Amino acid sequence: MIRKFAAVPGVRVVPTLILAATLVGALTVHAQQTPAQQPPAQAPAQPSQTQQPQAQQPADSQQSGQEATPGEIGLARKPKVKLYKNWVYNVGGGASLLDGTTQTFVRGGGGVATAGVARNYSQYVGFRLDFGFDNLPLKDSALRLAQAPGATSHVYSLTLEPIFNIPLTPEWGGYILVGPGFYHRSGKLDSSTVLPGSTCNPFFQWWGRCFNASLPLNGDYLHASQNEFGETFGFGVTRKLNPKVELYGEFRYMHGTHFKVTTDLRPITIGVRW
């Protein structure tokens, strides 16, 4: 009886243990599988974070599209239009008025011829070099003092002065010039009945052939030649004929001196510049 009683419970315990082990194993597997299934539920939240830089890209692309290209920058910087020429040439002619001692012995209206070149450093300032010829016809009263039937006289001038240009309108302009000048005055009497060694009268003093207030004993007073230094001042008006050529009118004051002997001229010139 005792062996039967012991055998009966053993048979029941074994299935019970097998069932308990099966339940524990199932619970363990379920516990391990449940955390592994949670990450897929959180995965959809990540694309929203990765999409933020993509949302900023259109704004960046718009900014880059608004930036000027090198070609557009080149078009915006237009080259400056040059309103003056570096070199300007002029030729002209006219007549000369007189002043000082010169008008005592010379008739007004002698012919004038000039040629020059200017170097401009801006629209307003430059330097101009001029060469001029002024004819000085002697008055009859001067010929009587020289006791000569006729004579010729003239002045060569060389001046270098700053020139100040004054634009008025696209067609009209003006300028002012002032500076030093060199003058060479020469002349020749056809003949003279004045005796060598005679006392110089005012004409021969201006003629420049007196020595110690007397005419040379060798009779060399028919020819006159003297160099004088002085100044010049003038102004002019310009009128454009076309983009390259313009007409100008000019008035000048010219004064030279040498040992108290002077030459004073007032040439009026009309010419062209290009």
C-alpha atoms as a PDB file:
ATOM      1  CA  MET A   1       0.000   0.000   0.000  1.00  0.00           C
ATOM      2  CA  ILE A   2       2.797   2.333   0.861  1.00  0.00           C
ATOM      3  CA  ARG A   3       4.549   1.814  -2.596  1.00  0.00           C
ATOM      4  CA  LYS A   4       1.251   2.432  -4.423  1.00  0.00           C
ATOM      5  CA  PHE A   5       0.639   5.602  -2.468  1.00  0.00           C
ATOM      6  CA  ALA A   6       4.146   6.840  -3.251  1.00  0.00           C
ATOM      7  CA  ALA A   7       3.870   5.996  -6.920  1.00  0.00           C
ATOM      8  CA  VAL A   8       0.618   7.813  -7.515  1.00  0.00           C
ATOM      9  CA  PRO A   9       1.728  11.306  -6.464  1.00  0.00           C
ATOM     10  CA  GLY A  10       4.966  10.988  -8.497  1.00  0.00           C
ATOM     11  CA  VAL A  11       3.003  10.438 -11.631  1.00  0.00           C
ATOM     12  CA  ARG A  12       0.991  13.651 -11.008  1.00  0.00           C
ATOM     13  CA  VAL A  13       3.976  15.788 -10.037  1.00  0.00           C
ATOM     14  CA  VAL A  14       5.892  15.230 -13.253  1.00  0.00           C
ATOM     15  CA  PRO A  15       3.197  16.606 -15.550  1.00  0.00           C
ATOM     16  CA  THR A  16       2.752  19.512 -13.188  1.00  0.00           C
ATOM     17  CA  LEU A  17       6.447  20.353 -13.375  1.00  0.00           C
ATOM     18  CA  ILE A  18       6.440  20.075 -17.158  1.00  0.00           C
ATOM     19  CA  LEU A  19       3.441  22.424 -17.398  1.00  0.00           C
ATOM     20  CA  ALA A  20       5.091  24.970 -15.039  1.00  0.00           C
ATOM     21  CA  ALA A  21       8.310  24.901 -17.034  1.00  0.00           C
ATOM     22  CA  THR A  22       6.387  25.449 -20.223  1.00  0.00           C
ATOM     23  CA  LEU A  23       4.549  28.477 -18.790  1.00  0.00           C
ATOM     24  CA  VAL A  24       7.785  30.017 -17.428  1.00  0.00           C
ATOM     25  CA  GLY A  25       9.480  29.578 -20.816  1.00  0.00           C
ATOM     26  CA  ALA A  26       6.566  31.169 -22.612  1.00  0.00           C
ATOM     27  CA  LEU A  27       6.577  34.140 -20.270  1.00  0.00           C
ATOM     28  CA  THR A  28      10.346  34.543 -20.691  1.00  0.00           C
ATOM     29  CA  VAL A  29      10.076  34.535 -24.490  1.00  0.00           C
ATOM     30  CA  HIS A  30       7.223  37.031 -24.384  1.00  0.00           C
ATOM     31  CA  ALA A  31       9.193  39.312 -22.054  1.00  0.00           C
ATOM     32  CA  GLN A  32      12.197  39.259 -24.439  1.00  0.00           C
ATOM     33  CA  GLN A  33      10.122  39.893 -27.571  1.00  0.00           C
ATOM     34  CA  THR A  34       8.071  42.821 -26.218  1.00  0.00           C
ATOM     35  CA  PRO A  35      11.021  45.423 -25.852  1.00  0.00           C
ATOM     36  CA  ALA A  36      12.334  44.501 -29.313  1.00  0.00           C
ATOM     37  CA  GLN A  37       9.027  45.516 -30.864  1.00  0.00           C
ATOM     38  CA  GLN A  38       9.033  49.071 -29.361  1.00  0.00           C
ATOM     39  CA  PRO A  39      11.777  50.708 -31.554  1.00  0.00           C
ATOM     40  CA  PRO A  40       9.761  50.372 -34.772  1.00  0.00           C
ATOM     41  CA  ALA A  41       7.042  52.495 -33.129  1.00  0.00           C
ATOM     42  CA  GLN A  42       9.563  55.359 -32.546  1.00  0.00           C
ATOM     43  CA  ALA A  43      11.199  55.142 -35.971  1.00  0.00           C
ATOM     44  CA  PRO A  44       8.636  57.374 -37.800  1.00  0.00           C
ATOM     45  CA  ALA A  45       9.648  60.365 -35.576  1.00  0.00           C
ATOM     46  CA  GLN A  46      13.201  60.432 -37.033  1.00  0.00           C
ATOM     47  CA  PRO A  47      12.331  61.532 -40.587  1.00  0.00           C
ATOM     48  CA  SER A  48      10.857  64.785 -39.232  1.00  0.00           C
ATOM     49  CA  GLN A  49      14.285  65.655 -37.799  1.00  0.00           C
ATOM     50  CA  THR A  50      16.118  64.788 -40.972  1.00  0.00           C
ATOM     51  CA  GLN A  51      13.671  66.830 -43.025  1.00  0.00           C
ATOM     52  CA  GLN A  52      14.546  70.124 -41.276  1.00  0.00           C
ATOM     53  CA  PRO A  53      17.770  70.817 -43.257  1.00  0.00           C
ATOM     54  CA  GLN A  54      15.841  69.998 -46.422  1.00  0.00           C
ATOM     55  CA  ALA A  55      13.270  72.634 -45.488  1.00  0.00           C
ATOM     56  CA  GLN A  56      16.069  75.217 -45.227  1.00  0.00           C
ATOM     57  CA  GLN A  57      17.540  74.399 -48.617  1.00  0.00           C
ATOM     58  CA  PRO A  58      14.932  76.351 -50.657  1.00  0.00           C
ATOM     59  CA  ALA A  59      15.676  79.508 -48.640  1.00  0.00           C
ATOM     60  CA  ASP A  60      19.408  79.061 -49.260  1.00  0.00           C
ATOM     61  CA  SER A  61      18.799  78.454 -52.935  1.00  0.00           C
ATOM     62  CA  GLN A  62      16.679  81.616 -53.111  1.00  0.00           C
ATOM     63  CA  GLN A  63      19.486  83.670 -51.518  1.00  0.00           C
ATOM     64  CA  SER A  64      22.052  82.259 -53.914  1.00  0.00           C
ATOM     65  CA  GLY A  65      19.702  83.036 -56.790  1.00  0.00           C
ATOM     66  CA  GLN A  66      19.479  86.680 -55.693  1.00  0.00           C
ATOM     67  CA  GLU A  67      23.281  87.181 -55.688  1.00  0.00           C
ATOM     68  CA  ALA A  68      24.621  89.126 -58.728  1.00  0.00           C
ATOM     69  CA  THR A  69      26.667  87.167 -61.205  1.00  0.00           C
ATOM     70  CA  PRO A  70      30.098  88.465 -62.346  1.00  0.00           C
ATOM     71  CA  GLY A  71      28.570  89.412 -65.683  1.00  0.00           C
ATOM     72  CA  GLU A  72      25.898  91.533 -63.997  1.00  0.00           C
ATOM     73  CA  ILE A  73      28.564  93.252 -61.858  1.00  0.00           C
ATOM     74  CA  GLY A  74      30.559  94.109 -64.991  1.00  0.00           C
ATOM     75  CA  LEU A  75      27.483  95.625 -66.628  1.00  0.00           C
ATOM     76  CA  ALA A  76      26.715  97.714 -63.529  1.00  0.00           C
ATOM     77  CA  ARG A  77      30.195  99.290 -63.545  1.00  0.00           C
ATOM     78  CA  LYS A  78      29.983 101.463 -66.623  1.00  0.00           C
ATOM     79  CA  PRO A  79      33.274 103.024 -67.817  1.00  0.00           C
ATOM     80  CA  LYS A  80      33.633 106.759 -67.202  1.00  0.00           C
ATOM     81  CA  VAL A  81      33.291 108.936 -70.272  1.00  0.00           C
ATOM     82  CA  LYS A  82      36.405 111.075 -70.834  1.00  0.00           C
ATOM     83  CA  LEU A  83      35.360 114.693 -71.254  1.00  0.00           C
ATOM     84  CA  TYR A  84      38.667 116.076 -72.507  1.00  0.00           C
ATOM     85  CA  LYS A  85      41.555 115.339 -74.882  1.00  0.00           C
ATOM     86  CA  ASN A  86      45.075 114.792 -73.642  1.00  0.00           C
ATOM     87  CA  TRP A  87      46.557 116.814 -76.526  1.00  0.00           C
ATOM     88  CA  VAL A  88      44.953 119.796 -78.256  1.00  0.00           C
ATOM     89  CA  TYR A  89      46.492 121.659 -81.214  1.00  0.00           C
ATOM     90  CA  ASN A  90      45.633 125.161 -82.401  1.00  0.00           C
ATOM     91  CA  VAL A  91      46.419 127.453 -85.328  1.00  0.00           C
ATOM     92  CA  GLY A  92      45.093 130.918 -85.897  1.00  0.00           C
ATOM     93  CA  GLY A  93      45.605 134.364 -87.322  1.00  0.00           C
ATOM     94  CA  GLY A  94      44.478 137.908 -86.738  1.00  0.00           C
ATOM     95  CA  ALA A  95      45.744 141.382 -86.012  1.00  0.00           C
ATOM     96  CA  SER A  96      47.503 143.099 -83.163  1.00  0.00           C
ATOM     97  CA  LEU A  97      46.617 146.132 -81.104  1.00  0.00           C
ATOM     98  CA  LEU A  98      49.418 148.022 -79.427  1.00  0.00           C
ATOM     99  CA  ASP A  99      50.223 149.641 -76.110  1.00  0.00           C
ATOM    100  CA  GLY A 100      53.044 151.425 -74.325  1.00  0.00           C
ATOM    101  CA  THR A 101      56.052 152.718 -76.235  1.00  0.00           C
ATOM    102  CA  THR A 102      55.372 150.298 -79.069  1.00  0.00           C
ATOM    103  CA  GLN A 103      52.237 152.126 -80.187  1.00  0.00           C
ATOM    104  CA  THR A 104      54.259 155.352 -80.436  1.00  0.00           C
ATOM    105  CA  PHE A 105      56.260 153.983 -83.364  1.00  0.00           C
ATOM    106  CA  VAL A 106      54.149 151.107 -84.756  1.00  0.00           C
ATOM    107  CA  ARG A 107      50.834 151.184 -86.566  1.00  0.00           C
ATOM    108  CA  GLY A 108      48.100 149.000 -85.149  1.00  0.00           C
ATOM    109  CA  GLY A 109      46.576 146.212 -87.152  1.00  0.00           C
ATOM    110  CA  GLY A 110      49.732 144.324 -88.056  1.00  0.00           C
ATOM    111  CA  GLY A 111      49.173 140.708 -89.013  1.00  0.00           C
ATOM    112  CA  VAL A 112      49.409 137.918 -86.452  1.00  0.00           C
ATOM    113  CA  ALA A 113      49.957 134.171 -86.911  1.00  0.00           C
ATOM    114  CA  THR A 114      50.051 131.614 -84.091  1.00  0.00           C
ATOM    115  CA  ALA A 115      50.407 127.891 -83.580  1.00  0.00           C
ATOM    116  CA  GLY A 116      50.358 125.962 -80.343  1.00  0.00           C
ATOM    117  CA  VAL A 117      49.840 122.718 -78.502  1.00  0.00           C
ATOM    118  CA  ALA A 118      48.248 122.077 -75.107  1.00  0.00           C
ATOM    119  CA  ARG A 119      48.661 119.125 -72.774  1.00  0.00           C
ATOM    120  CA  ASN A 120      45.562 118.697 -70.634  1.00  0.00           C
ATOM    121  CA  TYR A 121      45.754 116.889 -67.301  1.00  0.00           C
ATOM    122  CA  SER A 122      42.034 117.156 -66.567  1.00  0.00           C
ATOM    123  CA  GLN A 123      38.904 118.703 -68.011  1.00  0.00           C
ATOM    124  CA  TYR A 124      39.884 122.003 -66.421  1.00  0.00           C
ATOM    125  CA  VAL A 125      43.690 122.330 -66.196  1.00  0.00           C
ATOM    126  CA  GLY A 126      46.542 121.942 -68.656  1.00  0.00           C
ATOM    127  CA  PHE A 127      49.711 123.554 -70.040  1.00  0.00           C
ATOM    128  CA  ARG A 128      49.945 125.276 -73.412  1.00  0.00           C
ATOM    129  CA  LEU A 129      52.975 126.160 -75.548  1.00  0.00           C
ATOM    130  CA  ASP A 130      52.510 128.828 -78.254  1.00  0.00           C
ATOM    131  CA  PHE A 131      54.679 130.217 -81.011  1.00  0.00           C
ATOM    132  CA  GLY A 132      53.615 133.523 -82.532  1.00  0.00           C
ATOM    133  CA  PHE A 133      54.564 136.008 -85.221  1.00  0.00           C
ATOM    134  CA  ASP A 134      53.517 139.664 -85.009  1.00  0.00           C
ATOM    135  CA  ASN A 135      54.164 142.117 -87.805  1.00  0.00           C
ATOM    136  CA  LEU A 136      55.068 145.630 -86.602  1.00  0.00           C
ATOM    137  CA  PRO A 137      54.645 148.155 -89.453  1.00  0.00           C
ATOM    138  CA  LEU A 138      56.366 151.430 -88.536  1.00  0.00           C
ATOM    139  CA  LYS A 139      54.449 154.687 -88.555  1.00  0.00           C
ATOM    140  CA  ASP A 140      55.441 157.501 -90.883  1.00  0.00           C
ATOM    141  CA  SER A 141      56.470 159.560 -87.854  1.00  0.00           C
ATOM    142  CA  ALA A 142      58.885 156.791 -86.835  1.00  0.00           C
ATOM    143  CA  LEU A 143      60.387 156.674 -90.336  1.00  0.00           C
ATOM    144  CA  ARG A 144      60.987 160.420 -90.222  1.00  0.00           C
ATOM    145  CA  LEU A 145      62.842 160.072 -86.906  1.00  0.00           C
ATOM    146  CA  ALA A 146      64.907 157.277 -88.475  1.00  0.00           C
ATOM    147  CA  GLN A 147      65.383 159.331 -91.659  1.00  0.00           C
ATOM    148  CA  ALA A 148      64.505 156.186 -93.590  1.00  0.00           C
ATOM    149  CA  PRO A 149      62.276 155.705 -96.650  1.00  0.00           C
ATOM    150  CA  GLY A 150      60.949 152.399 -95.389  1.00  0.00           C
ATOM    151  CA  ALA A 151      61.496 149.599 -92.905  1.00  0.00           C
ATOM    152  CA  THR A 152      60.312 146.197 -91.713  1.00  0.00           C
ATOM    153  CA  SER A 153      59.847 145.083 -88.107  1.00  0.00           C
ATOM    154  CA  HIS A 154      58.350 142.079 -86.388  1.00  0.00           C
ATOM    155  CA  VAL A 155      58.312 140.002 -83.183  1.00  0.00           C
ATOM    156  CA  TYR A 156      58.670 136.279 -82.656  1.00  0.00           C
ATOM    157  CA  SER A 157      57.178 135.078 -79.381  1.00  0.00           C
ATOM    158  CA  LEU A 158      57.356 131.832 -77.437  1.00  0.00           C
ATOM    159  CA  THR A 159      55.102 131.442 -74.413  1.00  0.00           C
ATOM    160  CA  LEU A 160      54.420 128.626 -71.959  1.00  0.00           C
ATOM    161  CA  GLU A 161      51.480 129.062 -69.624  1.00  0.00           C
ATOM    162  CA  PRO A 162      48.947 127.102 -67.570  1.00  0.00           C
ATOM    163  CA  ILE A 163      45.534 127.030 -69.222  1.00  0.00           C
ATOM    164  CA  PHE A 164      42.312 126.876 -67.222  1.00  0.00           C
ATOM    165  CA  ASN A 165      39.382 125.554 -69.244  1.00  0.00           C
ATOM    166  CA  ILE A 166      35.837 126.633 -68.364  1.00  0.00           C
ATOM    167  CA  PRO A 167      33.089 124.413 -69.843  1.00  0.00           C
ATOM    168  CA  LEU A 168      29.887 126.446 -70.265  1.00  0.00           C
ATOM    169  CA  THR A 169      27.598 124.258 -72.387  1.00  0.00           C
ATOM    170  CA  PRO A 170      28.172 121.158 -74.542  1.00  0.00           C
ATOM    171  CA  GLU A 171      28.965 123.530 -77.458  1.00  0.00           C
ATOM    172  CA  TRP A 172      30.445 126.633 -75.793  1.00  0.00           C
ATOM    173  CA  GLY A 173      33.431 126.994 -73.524  1.00  0.00           C
ATOM    174  CA  GLY A 174      36.080 129.421 -72.379  1.00  0.00           C
ATOM    175  CA  TYR A 175      39.611 129.453 -71.053  1.00  0.00           C
ATOM    176  CA  ILE A 176      42.136 131.661 -69.272  1.00  0.00           C
ATOM    177  CA  LEU A 177      45.910 131.457 -69.617  1.00  0.00           C
ATOM    178  CA  VAL A 178      48.770 133.282 -67.927  1.00  0.00           C
ATOM    179  CA  GLY A 179      52.505 132.677 -67.840  1.00  0.00           C
ATOM    180  CA  PRO A 180      56.014 133.745 -68.888  1.00  0.00           C
ATOM    181  CA  GLY A 181      57.050 134.689 -72.392  1.00  0.00           C
ATOM    182  CA  PHE A 182      60.156 135.143 -74.515  1.00  0.00           C
ATOM    183  CA  TYR A 183      60.131 137.757 -77.311  1.00  0.00           C
ATOM    184  CA  HIS A 184      62.618 138.345 -80.078  1.00  0.00           C
ATOM    185  CA  ARG A 185      62.089 141.660 -81.878  1.00  0.00           C
ATOM    186  CA  SER A 186      64.010 142.459 -85.023  1.00  0.00           C
ATOM    187  CA  GLY A 187      63.818 144.893 -87.915  1.00  0.00           C
ATOM    188  CA  LYS A 188      65.621 146.574 -90.776  1.00  0.00           C
ATOM    189  CA  LEU A 189      65.701 150.102 -92.106  1.00  0.00           C
ATOM    190  CA  ASP A 190      65.971 150.319 -95.886  1.00  0.00           C
ATOM    191  CA  SER A 191      68.517 153.123 -95.484  1.00  0.00           C
ATOM    192  CA  SER A 192      69.093 156.140 -93.262  1.00  0.00           C
ATOM    193  CA  THR A 193      70.716 159.542 -93.597  1.00  0.00           C
ATOM    194  CA  VAL A 194      71.433 159.786 -89.861  1.00  0.00           C
ATOM    195  CA  LEU A 195      75.158 160.233 -89.222  1.00  0.00           C
ATOM    196  CA  PRO A 196      76.950 157.562 -87.165  1.00  0.00           C
ATOM    197  CA  GLY A 197      77.760 158.738 -83.647  1.00  0.00           C
ATOM    198  CA  SER A 198      74.725 161.026 -83.538  1.00  0.00           C
ATOM    199  CA  THR A 199      72.725 161.352 -80.346  1.00  0.00           C
ATOM    200  CA  CYS A 200      69.975 158.790 -80.144  1.00  0.00           C
ATOM    201  CA  ASN A 201      66.438 160.052 -80.463  1.00  0.00           C
ATOM    202  CA  PRO A 202      63.482 158.185 -78.879  1.00  0.00           C
ATOM    203  CA  PHE A 203      62.993 155.999 -81.951  1.00  0.00           C
ATOM    204  CA  PHE A 204      66.551 154.625 -81.965  1.00  0.00           C
ATOM    205  CA  GLN A 205      66.303 154.051 -78.224  1.00  0.00           C
ATOM    206  CA  TRP A 206      63.248 151.872 -78.825  1.00  0.00           C
ATOM    207  CA  TRP A 207      64.990 150.397 -81.908  1.00  0.00           C
ATOM    208  CA  GLY A 208      67.639 149.154 -79.498  1.00  0.00           C
ATOM    209  CA  ARG A 209      70.801 150.338 -81.299  1.00  0.00           C
ATOM    210  CA  CYS A 210      71.993 153.061 -78.926  1.00  0.00           C
ATOM    211  CA  PHE A 211      75.241 152.810 -76.994  1.00  0.00           C
ATOM    212  CA  ASN A 212      75.957 155.438 -74.370  1.00  0.00           C
ATOM    213  CA  ALA A 213      73.036 157.455 -75.807  1.00  0.00           C
ATOM    214  CA  SER A 214      74.715 157.550 -79.253  1.00  0.00           C
ATOM    215  CA  LEU A 215      74.465 155.621 -82.520  1.00  0.00           C
ATOM    216  CA  PRO A 216      77.353 153.260 -83.307  1.00  0.00           C
ATOM    217  CA  LEU A 217      80.230 154.832 -85.209  1.00  0.00           C
ATOM    218  CA  ASN A 218      80.428 151.868 -87.553  1.00  0.00           C
ATOM    219  CA  GLY A 219      76.951 152.648 -88.864  1.00  0.00           C
ATOM    220  CA  ASP A 220      75.483 149.363 -87.639  1.00  0.00           C
ATOM    221  CA  TYR A 221      72.118 150.768 -86.637  1.00  0.00           C
ATOM    222  CA  LEU A 222      70.070 149.880 -89.693  1.00  0.00           C
ATOM    223  CA  HIS A 223      69.430 146.423 -88.271  1.00  0.00           C
ATOM    224  CA  ALA A 224      67.708 145.833 -84.942  1.00  0.00           C
ATOM    225  CA  SER A 225      67.696 142.616 -82.950  1.00  0.00           C
ATOM    226  CA  GLN A 226      66.997 142.161 -79.266  1.00  0.00           C
ATOM    227  CA  ASN A 227      65.701 139.491 -76.921  1.00  0.00           C
ATOM    228  CA  GLU A 228      63.188 140.324 -74.234  1.00  0.00           C
ATOM    229  CA  PHE A 229      61.627 138.387 -71.388  1.00  0.00           C
ATOM    230  CA  GLY A 230      58.222 139.135 -69.959  1.00  0.00           C
ATOM    231  CA  GLU A 231      54.767 137.751 -69.406  1.00  0.00           C
ATOM    232  CA  THR A 232      51.539 137.015 -71.181  1.00  0.00           C
ATOM    233  CA  PHE A 233      47.918 136.941 -70.119  1.00  0.00           C
ATOM    234  CA  GLY A 234      44.907 136.030 -72.201  1.00  0.00           C
ATOM    235  CA  PHE A 235      41.454 134.544 -72.443  1.00  0.00           C
ATOM    236  CA  GLY A 236      39.392 132.951 -75.166  1.00  0.00           C
ATOM    237  CA  VAL A 237      35.997 131.591 -76.186  1.00  0.00           C
ATOM    238  CA  THR A 238      35.456 128.272 -77.986  1.00  0.00           C
ATOM    239  CA  ARG A 239      32.603 126.917 -80.101  1.00  0.00           C
ATOM    240  CA  LYS A 240      32.454 123.265 -81.169  1.00  0.00           C
ATOM    241  CA  LEU A 241      31.995 122.687 -84.891  1.00  0.00           C
ATOM    242  CA  ASN A 242      31.951 118.889 -84.497  1.00  0.00           C
ATOM    243  CA  PRO A 243      33.144 116.418 -81.858  1.00  0.00           C
ATOM    244  CA  LYS A 244      36.781 116.803 -83.000  1.00  0.00           C
ATOM    245  CA  VAL A 245      37.154 120.441 -84.128  1.00  0.00           C
ATOM    246  CA  GLU A 246      36.233 123.722 -82.502  1.00  0.00           C
ATOM    247  CA  LEU A 247      36.508 127.389 -83.411  1.00  0.00           C
ATOM    248  CA  TYR A 248      38.156 129.791 -80.969  1.00  0.00           C
ATOM    249  CA  GLY A 249      38.634 133.518 -80.524  1.00  0.00           C
ATOM    250  CA  GLU A 250      41.405 134.811 -78.261  1.00  0.00           C
ATOM    251  CA  PHE A 251      42.697 138.082 -76.851  1.00  0.00           C
ATOM    252  CA  ARG A 252      46.136 138.426 -75.285  1.00  0.00           C
ATOM    253  CA  TYR A 253      48.281 140.910 -73.466  1.00  0.00           C
ATOM    254  CA  MET A 254      52.011 140.415 -74.121  1.00  0.00           C
ATOM    255  CA  HIS A 255      54.827 142.414 -72.557  1.00  0.00           C
ATOM    256  CA  GLY A 256      58.596 142.046 -72.863  1.00  0.00           C
ATOM    257  CA  THR A 257      61.471 144.176 -71.632  1.00  0.00           C
ATOM    258  CA  HIS A 258      65.251 144.430 -71.976  1.00  0.00           C
ATOM    259  CA  PHE A 259      67.294 147.235 -70.384  1.00  0.00           C
ATOM    260  CA  LYS A 260      64.200 149.436 -70.098  1.00  0.00           C
ATOM    261  CA  VAL A 261      63.333 148.873 -73.766  1.00  0.00           C
ATOM    262  CA  THR A 262      59.849 147.348 -73.987  1.00  0.00           C
ATOM    263  CA  THR A 263      57.560 145.656 -76.472  1.00  0.00           C
ATOM    264  CA  ASP A 264      53.819 145.649 -75.786  1.00  0.00           C
ATOM    265  CA  LEU A 265      51.348 143.763 -77.941  1.00  0.00           C
ATOM    266  CA  ARG A 266      47.598 143.026 -77.817  1.00  0.00           C
ATOM    267  CA  PRO A 267      47.017 140.318 -80.457  1.00  0.00           C
ATOM    268  CA  ILE A 268      43.479 139.248 -81.341  1.00  0.00           C
ATOM    269  CA  THR A 269      43.374 135.791 -82.896  1.00  0.00           C
ATOM    270  CA  ILE A 270      40.710 133.610 -84.490  1.00  0.00           C
ATOM    271  CA  GLY A 271      41.495 130.003 -85.305  1.00  0.00           C
ATOM    272  CA  VAL A 272      40.660 126.334 -84.915  1.00  0.00           C
ATOM    273  CA  ARG A 273      41.563 123.728 -82.311  1.00  0.00           C
ATOM    274  CA  TRP A 274      41.471 119.960 -82.639  1.00  0.00           C
END
